[in-house]
Amino acid sequence: MAETNKAVVEVFEGEDLAVSLAKYVADLSKKFTSERGAFTVCLSGGSMIDNLRKLPEYLDSIEWSKWQVFWLDERVVPKTHEDSNYKLALDGLLCKVPIPPGNVYAINDTLSAEEAADDYETRIRELVNKNLITVSPSSGFPKFDLMLLGMGPDGHVASLFPGHPLVQENKRWVTFIKDSPKPPPERITFTFPVINASAYAALVVTGKKEADAIHSALGKSENPVKLPVALVSPEGELKWFLDKDAASKL
């Protein structure tokens, strides 16, 4: 285990990453449900759901009814489409655990990208007004309990891509993109102020294709390029879960 600034970096072999990630999430679920009666969790697409495959083993020990589930980003496609992050999570996790459907906040897939982003932000603001989601006292942005972030080989997180103007967005809670460099092109995404207002954030990265971006973000590079992943800096704790391939250039 290594520490960099306020981040903890752990490298795992084989199934150890999935086992450790499940325990990490289960422990935070217990902490927040006991402290405030709710646990607000933000999911990603990609390999995140597969990396959470051990979580249903906590079926009887997690208070699933207290979970409130959101998405860091979503593709603007029907919920039944193979590109949908909602469908990925439904098939790989949500159908295996008893989270009430009313506590799962998918985007409105009948709207345009811009309308879907506005709608998602409006719904989050309503939940803030009901104190279901807390607010960062320092920034005024919604403070989710846990952000579960993946990363692409280019260093993108959520749908915030290197060199894209949305990386600099600092007013909106949820915004939209119509020219994603990775298909499908239309998506909605949380902005960095929301990601960084979180109490806890986990960056879960696996695979050799991600090794260069991991080295850029965590390695001692002479001219570090500020990839989006390097801008993840939650108010609380940041923990990196890496497999040996992703960490191979550190």
C-alpha atoms as a PDB file:
ATOM      1  CA  MET A   1       0.000   0.000   0.000  1.00  0.00           C
ATOM      2  CA  ALA A   2       1.273   3.459  -0.884  1.00  0.00           C
ATOM      3  CA  GLU A   3       0.026   6.948  -0.125  1.00  0.00           C
ATOM      4  CA  THR A   4       0.234   9.968  -2.382  1.00  0.00           C
ATOM      5  CA  ASN A   5      -1.032  13.263  -0.921  1.00  0.00           C
ATOM      6  CA  LYS A   6      -4.331  12.200   0.636  1.00  0.00           C
ATOM      7  CA  ALA A   7      -4.797   9.224  -1.678  1.00  0.00           C
ATOM      8  CA  VAL A   8      -4.219   5.583  -0.821  1.00  0.00           C
ATOM      9  CA  VAL A   9      -2.960   3.357  -3.622  1.00  0.00           C
ATOM     10  CA  GLU A  10      -3.306  -0.426  -3.431  1.00  0.00           C
ATOM     11  CA  VAL A  11      -2.252  -2.990  -6.031  1.00  0.00           C
ATOM     12  CA  PHE A  12      -3.955  -6.386  -6.134  1.00  0.00           C
ATOM     13  CA  GLU A  13      -3.531  -9.763  -7.764  1.00  0.00           C
ATOM     14  CA  GLY A  14      -6.329 -11.914  -9.160  1.00  0.00           C
ATOM     15  CA  GLU A  15      -9.590 -11.918  -7.240  1.00  0.00           C
ATOM     16  CA  ASP A  16      -8.136  -9.879  -4.380  1.00  0.00           C
ATOM     17  CA  LEU A  17      -9.182  -6.603  -6.004  1.00  0.00           C
ATOM     18  CA  ALA A  18     -12.858  -7.591  -6.273  1.00  0.00           C
ATOM     19  CA  VAL A  19     -12.821  -8.999  -2.727  1.00  0.00           C
ATOM     20  CA  SER A  20     -11.230  -5.864  -1.273  1.00  0.00           C
ATOM     21  CA  LEU A  21     -13.495  -3.508  -3.245  1.00  0.00           C
ATOM     22  CA  ALA A  22     -16.618  -5.314  -2.036  1.00  0.00           C
ATOM     23  CA  LYS A  23     -15.486  -5.047   1.592  1.00  0.00           C
ATOM     24  CA  TYR A  24     -14.629  -1.368   1.109  1.00  0.00           C
ATOM     25  CA  VAL A  25     -18.117  -0.624  -0.240  1.00  0.00           C
ATOM     26  CA  ALA A  26     -19.828  -2.751   2.429  1.00  0.00           C
ATOM     27  CA  ASP A  27     -17.910  -0.994   5.216  1.00  0.00           C
ATOM     28  CA  LEU A  28     -18.869   2.443   3.880  1.00  0.00           C
ATOM     29  CA  SER A  29     -22.484   1.315   3.529  1.00  0.00           C
ATOM     30  CA  LYS A  30     -22.495   0.377   7.212  1.00  0.00           C
ATOM     31  CA  LYS A  31     -20.868   3.666   8.190  1.00  0.00           C
ATOM     32  CA  PHE A  32     -23.303   5.928   6.351  1.00  0.00           C
ATOM     33  CA  THR A  33     -26.503   3.968   6.996  1.00  0.00           C
ATOM     34  CA  SER A  34     -25.736   4.001  10.720  1.00  0.00           C
ATOM     35  CA  GLU A  35     -24.726   7.683  10.739  1.00  0.00           C
ATOM     36  CA  ARG A  36     -27.511   9.165   8.630  1.00  0.00           C
ATOM     37  CA  GLY A  37     -29.854   6.415   7.501  1.00  0.00           C
ATOM     38  CA  ALA A  38     -28.894   6.510   3.829  1.00  0.00           C
ATOM     39  CA  PHE A  39     -25.998   5.646   1.525  1.00  0.00           C
ATOM     40  CA  THR A  40     -25.651   7.553  -1.751  1.00  0.00           C
ATOM     41  CA  VAL A  41     -23.563   5.634  -4.281  1.00  0.00           C
ATOM     42  CA  CYS A  42     -22.540   6.745  -7.779  1.00  0.00           C
ATOM     43  CA  LEU A  43     -21.713   4.029 -10.302  1.00  0.00           C
ATOM     44  CA  SER A  44     -19.650   4.049 -13.486  1.00  0.00           C
ATOM     45  CA  GLY A  45     -19.818   1.927 -16.604  1.00  0.00           C
ATOM     46  CA  GLY A  46     -16.962   0.043 -18.212  1.00  0.00           C
ATOM     47  CA  SER A  47     -15.470  -2.706 -16.043  1.00  0.00           C
ATOM     48  CA  MET A  48     -16.758  -1.256 -12.760  1.00  0.00           C
ATOM     49  CA  ILE A  49     -19.768  -3.563 -12.445  1.00  0.00           C
ATOM     50  CA  ASP A  50     -17.623  -6.634 -13.064  1.00  0.00           C
ATOM     51  CA  ASN A  51     -15.187  -5.392 -10.421  1.00  0.00           C
ATOM     52  CA  LEU A  52     -18.136  -5.192  -7.990  1.00  0.00           C
ATOM     53  CA  ARG A  53     -19.007  -8.857  -8.614  1.00  0.00           C
ATOM     54  CA  LYS A  54     -18.249  -9.863  -5.001  1.00  0.00           C
ATOM     55  CA  LEU A  55     -20.652  -7.309  -3.527  1.00  0.00           C
ATOM     56  CA  PRO A  56     -23.741  -9.603  -3.636  1.00  0.00           C
ATOM     57  CA  GLU A  57     -21.899 -11.874  -1.184  1.00  0.00           C
ATOM     58  CA  TYR A  58     -22.869  -9.243   1.403  1.00  0.00           C
ATOM     59  CA  LEU A  59     -26.544  -9.837   0.617  1.00  0.00           C
ATOM     60  CA  ASP A  60     -27.561 -10.360   4.253  1.00  0.00           C
ATOM     61  CA  SER A  61     -25.232  -7.854   5.950  1.00  0.00           C
ATOM     62  CA  ILE A  62     -25.804  -4.694   3.879  1.00  0.00           C
ATOM     63  CA  GLU A  63     -28.916  -2.566   4.449  1.00  0.00           C
ATOM     64  CA  TRP A  64     -29.751  -2.421   0.763  1.00  0.00           C
ATOM     65  CA  SER A  65     -33.024  -0.582   1.395  1.00  0.00           C
ATOM     66  CA  LYS A  66     -30.984   2.439   2.515  1.00  0.00           C
ATOM     67  CA  TRP A  67     -28.999   2.632  -0.722  1.00  0.00           C
ATOM     68  CA  GLN A  68     -29.620   5.437  -3.216  1.00  0.00           C
ATOM     69  CA  VAL A  69     -27.955   4.682  -6.567  1.00  0.00           C
ATOM     70  CA  PHE A  70     -26.875   7.218  -9.198  1.00  0.00           C
ATOM     71  CA  TRP A  71     -24.635   7.257 -12.254  1.00  0.00           C
ATOM     72  CA  LEU A  72     -21.540   9.415 -12.699  1.00  0.00           C
ATOM     73  CA  ASP A  73     -22.271   9.389 -16.391  1.00  0.00           C
ATOM     74  CA  GLU A  74     -24.663   7.739 -18.795  1.00  0.00           C
ATOM     75  CA  ARG A  75     -24.956   7.230 -22.502  1.00  0.00           C
ATOM     76  CA  VAL A  76     -28.081   8.811 -24.001  1.00  0.00           C
ATOM     77  CA  VAL A  77     -29.534   5.567 -25.325  1.00  0.00           C
ATOM     78  CA  PRO A  78     -32.599   3.516 -24.320  1.00  0.00           C
ATOM     79  CA  LYS A  79     -32.253   1.702 -20.981  1.00  0.00           C
ATOM     80  CA  THR A  80     -32.476  -1.592 -22.847  1.00  0.00           C
ATOM     81  CA  HIS A  81     -29.578  -0.729 -25.190  1.00  0.00           C
ATOM     82  CA  GLU A  82     -26.297  -2.617 -24.804  1.00  0.00           C
ATOM     83  CA  ASP A  83     -24.438   0.718 -24.422  1.00  0.00           C
ATOM     84  CA  SER A  84     -26.550   1.750 -21.406  1.00  0.00           C
ATOM     85  CA  ASN A  85     -24.646   1.972 -18.118  1.00  0.00           C
ATOM     86  CA  TYR A  86     -27.972   1.405 -16.378  1.00  0.00           C
ATOM     87  CA  LYS A  87     -28.482  -1.891 -18.212  1.00  0.00           C
ATOM     88  CA  LEU A  88     -24.910  -2.930 -17.416  1.00  0.00           C
ATOM     89  CA  ALA A  89     -25.489  -2.301 -13.705  1.00  0.00           C
ATOM     90  CA  LEU A  90     -28.962  -3.872 -13.742  1.00  0.00           C
ATOM     91  CA  ASP A  91     -27.760  -7.096 -15.327  1.00  0.00           C
ATOM     92  CA  GLY A  92     -24.498  -7.351 -13.383  1.00  0.00           C
ATOM     93  CA  LEU A  93     -25.426  -6.064  -9.909  1.00  0.00           C
ATOM     94  CA  LEU A  94     -28.804  -4.485  -9.270  1.00  0.00           C
ATOM     95  CA  CYS A  95     -30.816  -7.587 -10.194  1.00  0.00           C
ATOM     96  CA  LYS A  96     -28.846  -9.533  -7.560  1.00  0.00           C
ATOM     97  CA  VAL A  97     -29.424  -7.273  -4.547  1.00  0.00           C
ATOM     98  CA  PRO A  98     -32.678  -5.951  -3.000  1.00  0.00           C
ATOM     99  CA  ILE A  99     -32.302  -2.210  -3.608  1.00  0.00           C
ATOM    100  CA  PRO A 100     -35.825  -0.730  -3.971  1.00  0.00           C
ATOM    101  CA  PRO A 101     -36.403   0.332  -7.614  1.00  0.00           C
ATOM    102  CA  GLY A 102     -37.466   3.777  -6.402  1.00  0.00           C
ATOM    103  CA  ASN A 103     -33.970   4.256  -4.956  1.00  0.00           C
ATOM    104  CA  VAL A 104     -32.299   3.732  -8.353  1.00  0.00           C
ATOM    105  CA  TYR A 105     -31.983   6.963 -10.314  1.00  0.00           C
ATOM    106  CA  ALA A 106     -31.527   6.231 -14.006  1.00  0.00           C
ATOM    107  CA  ILE A 107     -31.655   9.040 -16.556  1.00  0.00           C
ATOM    108  CA  ASN A 108     -34.821   9.780 -18.495  1.00  0.00           C
ATOM    109  CA  ASP A 109     -33.960   8.012 -21.750  1.00  0.00           C
ATOM    110  CA  THR A 110     -36.776   9.695 -23.704  1.00  0.00           C
ATOM    111  CA  LEU A 111     -35.035  13.086 -23.602  1.00  0.00           C
ATOM    112  CA  SER A 112     -32.242  14.673 -25.616  1.00  0.00           C
ATOM    113  CA  ALA A 113     -28.754  14.805 -24.095  1.00  0.00           C
ATOM    114  CA  GLU A 114     -29.200  18.421 -22.972  1.00  0.00           C
ATOM    115  CA  GLU A 115     -32.679  17.773 -21.571  1.00  0.00           C
ATOM    116  CA  ALA A 116     -31.553  14.568 -19.842  1.00  0.00           C
ATOM    117  CA  ALA A 117     -28.694  16.415 -18.118  1.00  0.00           C
ATOM    118  CA  ASP A 118     -31.046  19.204 -16.968  1.00  0.00           C
ATOM    119  CA  ASP A 119     -33.561  16.641 -15.736  1.00  0.00           C
ATOM    120  CA  TYR A 120     -30.950  14.638 -13.816  1.00  0.00           C
ATOM    121  CA  GLU A 121     -29.606  17.771 -12.131  1.00  0.00           C
ATOM    122  CA  THR A 122     -33.140  18.841 -11.210  1.00  0.00           C
ATOM    123  CA  ARG A 123     -33.822  15.460  -9.614  1.00  0.00           C
ATOM    124  CA  ILE A 124     -30.578  15.622  -7.632  1.00  0.00           C
ATOM    125  CA  ARG A 125     -31.460  19.146  -6.435  1.00  0.00           C
ATOM    126  CA  GLU A 126     -34.819  17.824  -5.227  1.00  0.00           C
ATOM    127  CA  LEU A 127     -33.064  15.089  -3.233  1.00  0.00           C
ATOM    128  CA  VAL A 128     -30.689  17.680  -1.756  1.00  0.00           C
ATOM    129  CA  ASN A 129     -33.725  19.715  -0.669  1.00  0.00           C
ATOM    130  CA  LYS A 130     -35.054  16.591   1.068  1.00  0.00           C
ATOM    131  CA  ASN A 131     -31.667  16.087   2.778  1.00  0.00           C
ATOM    132  CA  LEU A 132     -31.294  12.673   1.168  1.00  0.00           C
ATOM    133  CA  ILE A 133     -28.096  13.962  -0.444  1.00  0.00           C
ATOM    134  CA  THR A 134     -25.943  16.204   1.696  1.00  0.00           C
ATOM    135  CA  VAL A 135     -24.209  19.381   0.523  1.00  0.00           C
ATOM    136  CA  SER A 136     -20.549  20.279   0.748  1.00  0.00           C
ATOM    137  CA  PRO A 137     -20.272  23.171   3.205  1.00  0.00           C
ATOM    138  CA  SER A 138     -17.175  24.438   1.402  1.00  0.00           C
ATOM    139  CA  SER A 139     -18.336  24.308  -2.228  1.00  0.00           C
ATOM    140  CA  GLY A 140     -22.135  24.107  -2.123  1.00  0.00           C
ATOM    141  CA  PHE A 141     -22.119  21.148  -4.515  1.00  0.00           C
ATOM    142  CA  PRO A 142     -23.921  17.902  -3.690  1.00  0.00           C
ATOM    143  CA  LYS A 143     -21.811  15.648  -1.461  1.00  0.00           C
ATOM    144  CA  PHE A 144     -22.373  12.020  -2.418  1.00  0.00           C
ATOM    145  CA  ASP A 145     -21.149   9.397   0.037  1.00  0.00           C
ATOM    146  CA  LEU A 146     -19.224   7.304  -2.489  1.00  0.00           C
ATOM    147  CA  MET A 147     -18.098   7.803  -6.070  1.00  0.00           C
ATOM    148  CA  LEU A 148     -17.036   4.584  -7.825  1.00  0.00           C
ATOM    149  CA  LEU A 149     -14.904   5.741 -10.738  1.00  0.00           C
ATOM    150  CA  GLY A 150     -13.290   3.840 -13.550  1.00  0.00           C
ATOM    151  CA  MET A 151     -10.752   5.213 -16.019  1.00  0.00           C
ATOM    152  CA  GLY A 152     -10.185   4.807 -19.755  1.00  0.00           C
ATOM    153  CA  PRO A 153      -6.790   4.273 -21.414  1.00  0.00           C
ATOM    154  CA  ASP A 154      -6.763   7.995 -22.305  1.00  0.00           C
ATOM    155  CA  GLY A 155      -7.183   8.958 -18.649  1.00  0.00           C
ATOM    156  CA  HIS A 156     -10.842   9.989 -18.883  1.00  0.00           C
ATOM    157  CA  VAL A 157     -13.219   9.574 -15.957  1.00  0.00           C
ATOM    158  CA  ALA A 158     -17.021   9.696 -16.149  1.00  0.00           C
ATOM    159  CA  SER A 159     -17.500  11.342 -19.578  1.00  0.00           C
ATOM    160  CA  LEU A 160     -14.840  13.975 -18.963  1.00  0.00           C
ATOM    161  CA  PHE A 161     -12.245  13.489 -21.694  1.00  0.00           C
ATOM    162  CA  PRO A 162      -8.707  14.911 -22.086  1.00  0.00           C
ATOM    163  CA  GLY A 163      -8.704  18.333 -23.703  1.00  0.00           C
ATOM    164  CA  HIS A 164     -12.498  18.638 -23.745  1.00  0.00           C
ATOM    165  CA  PRO A 165     -13.996  21.922 -22.470  1.00  0.00           C
ATOM    166  CA  LEU A 166     -16.284  20.032 -20.060  1.00  0.00           C
ATOM    167  CA  VAL A 167     -13.264  19.228 -17.917  1.00  0.00           C
ATOM    168  CA  GLN A 168     -13.292  22.924 -16.948  1.00  0.00           C
ATOM    169  CA  GLU A 169     -17.041  23.163 -16.236  1.00  0.00           C
ATOM    170  CA  ASN A 170     -17.430  24.515 -12.699  1.00  0.00           C
ATOM    171  CA  LYS A 171     -21.023  25.750 -12.439  1.00  0.00           C
ATOM    172  CA  ARG A 172     -23.242  22.869 -13.521  1.00  0.00           C
ATOM    173  CA  TRP A 173     -23.814  19.726 -11.440  1.00  0.00           C
ATOM    174  CA  VAL A 174     -24.677  17.611 -14.472  1.00  0.00           C
ATOM    175  CA  THR A 175     -23.786  18.477 -18.038  1.00  0.00           C
ATOM    176  CA  PHE A 176     -23.956  16.856 -21.464  1.00  0.00           C
ATOM    177  CA  ILE A 177     -21.632  15.976 -24.305  1.00  0.00           C
ATOM    178  CA  LYS A 178     -22.587  15.422 -27.945  1.00  0.00           C
ATOM    179  CA  ASP A 179     -19.114  14.819 -29.351  1.00  0.00           C
ATOM    180  CA  SER A 180     -17.657  12.132 -27.105  1.00  0.00           C
ATOM    181  CA  PRO A 181     -14.394  10.830 -28.593  1.00  0.00           C
ATOM    182  CA  LYS A 182     -15.549   7.391 -27.505  1.00  0.00           C
ATOM    183  CA  PRO A 183     -18.875   6.124 -28.883  1.00  0.00           C
ATOM    184  CA  PRO A 184     -21.721   6.597 -28.353  1.00  0.00           C
ATOM    185  CA  PRO A 185     -21.231  10.362 -28.843  1.00  0.00           C
ATOM    186  CA  GLU A 186     -24.139  11.660 -26.715  1.00  0.00           C
ATOM    187  CA  ARG A 187     -23.835  11.349 -22.942  1.00  0.00           C
ATOM    188  CA  ILE A 188     -24.551  13.108 -19.674  1.00  0.00           C
ATOM    189  CA  THR A 189     -21.929  13.396 -16.959  1.00  0.00           C
ATOM    190  CA  PHE A 190     -21.298  14.721 -13.487  1.00  0.00           C
ATOM    191  CA  THR A 191     -18.861  17.638 -13.452  1.00  0.00           C
ATOM    192  CA  PHE A 192     -15.614  17.719 -11.509  1.00  0.00           C
ATOM    193  CA  PRO A 193     -16.965  19.958  -8.716  1.00  0.00           C
ATOM    194  CA  VAL A 194     -19.574  17.267  -7.970  1.00  0.00           C
ATOM    195  CA  ILE A 195     -17.073  14.416  -8.216  1.00  0.00           C
ATOM    196  CA  ASN A 196     -14.677  16.255  -5.922  1.00  0.00           C
ATOM    197  CA  ALA A 197     -17.318  17.205  -3.357  1.00  0.00           C
ATOM    198  CA  SER A 198     -17.741  13.517  -2.495  1.00  0.00           C
ATOM    199  CA  ALA A 199     -16.990  12.070   0.920  1.00  0.00           C
ATOM    200  CA  TYR A 200     -15.218   9.030  -0.541  1.00  0.00           C
ATOM    201  CA  ALA A 201     -14.012   8.208  -4.031  1.00  0.00           C
ATOM    202  CA  ALA A 202     -12.590   4.950  -5.317  1.00  0.00           C
ATOM    203  CA  LEU A 203     -10.696   4.801  -8.599  1.00  0.00           C
ATOM    204  CA  VAL A 204     -10.801   1.218  -9.822  1.00  0.00           C
ATOM    205  CA  VAL A 205      -8.500   0.538 -12.766  1.00  0.00           C
ATOM    206  CA  THR A 206      -7.487  -2.756 -14.351  1.00  0.00           C
ATOM    207  CA  GLY A 207      -5.581  -3.756 -17.471  1.00  0.00           C
ATOM    208  CA  LYS A 208      -2.323  -3.037 -19.295  1.00  0.00           C
ATOM    209  CA  LYS A 209      -3.947  -0.505 -21.650  1.00  0.00           C
ATOM    210  CA  GLU A 210      -4.420   1.786 -18.659  1.00  0.00           C
ATOM    211  CA  ALA A 211      -0.807   1.568 -17.425  1.00  0.00           C
ATOM    212  CA  ASP A 212       0.457   4.698 -19.225  1.00  0.00           C
ATOM    213  CA  ALA A 213      -2.345   6.885 -17.864  1.00  0.00           C
ATOM    214  CA  ILE A 214      -1.798   5.468 -14.367  1.00  0.00           C
ATOM    215  CA  HIS A 215       1.900   6.300 -14.641  1.00  0.00           C
ATOM    216  CA  SER A 216       1.027   9.835 -15.767  1.00  0.00           C
ATOM    217  CA  ALA A 217      -1.357  10.315 -12.833  1.00  0.00           C
ATOM    218  CA  LEU A 218       0.622   8.595 -10.085  1.00  0.00           C
ATOM    219  CA  GLY A 219       4.185   8.184 -11.339  1.00  0.00           C
ATOM    220  CA  LYS A 220       7.088  10.555 -10.814  1.00  0.00           C
ATOM    221  CA  SER A 221       7.015  11.995 -14.303  1.00  0.00           C
ATOM    222  CA  GLU A 222       9.186  15.032 -15.033  1.00  0.00           C
ATOM    223  CA  ASN A 223       6.456  16.640 -17.143  1.00  0.00           C
ATOM    224  CA  PRO A 224       3.215  15.236 -15.820  1.00  0.00           C
ATOM    225  CA  VAL A 225       0.258  15.796 -18.120  1.00  0.00           C
ATOM    226  CA  LYS A 226      -2.875  16.670 -16.184  1.00  0.00           C
ATOM    227  CA  LEU A 227      -5.184  13.948 -17.430  1.00  0.00           C
ATOM    228  CA  PRO A 228      -8.777  14.114 -16.163  1.00  0.00           C
ATOM    229  CA  VAL A 229      -8.109  11.214 -13.781  1.00  0.00           C
ATOM    230  CA  ALA A 230      -5.402  13.289 -12.087  1.00  0.00           C
ATOM    231  CA  LEU A 231      -8.020  15.959 -11.286  1.00  0.00           C
ATOM    232  CA  VAL A 232     -10.017  13.600  -9.064  1.00  0.00           C
ATOM    233  CA  SER A 233      -9.539  15.031  -5.586  1.00  0.00           C
ATOM    234  CA  PRO A 234     -12.474  14.387  -3.258  1.00  0.00           C
ATOM    235  CA  GLU A 235     -13.031  16.397  -0.095  1.00  0.00           C
ATOM    236  CA  GLY A 236     -12.774  13.131   1.814  1.00  0.00           C
ATOM    237  CA  GLU A 237     -10.745  10.022   1.010  1.00  0.00           C
ATOM    238  CA  LEU A 238      -9.471   8.847  -2.368  1.00  0.00           C
ATOM    239  CA  LYS A 239      -8.472   5.208  -2.747  1.00  0.00           C
ATOM    240  CA  TRP A 240      -7.001   3.626  -5.869  1.00  0.00           C
ATOM    241  CA  PHE A 241      -7.715  -0.046  -6.535  1.00  0.00           C
ATOM    242  CA  LEU A 242      -5.256  -1.200  -9.221  1.00  0.00           C
ATOM    243  CA  ASP A 243      -4.445  -4.616 -10.607  1.00  0.00           C
ATOM    244  CA  LYS A 244      -0.844  -5.513 -11.375  1.00  0.00           C
ATOM    245  CA  ASP A 245      -1.270  -4.794 -15.087  1.00  0.00           C
ATOM    246  CA  ALA A 246      -2.588  -1.249 -14.528  1.00  0.00           C
ATOM    247  CA  ALA A 247       0.223  -0.595 -12.031  1.00  0.00           C
ATOM    248  CA  SER A 248       2.941  -2.161 -14.191  1.00  0.00           C
ATOM    249  CA  LYS A 249       4.621   1.164 -15.062  1.00  0.00           C
ATOM    250  CA  LEU A 250       4.677   2.639 -11.574  1.00  0.00           C
END
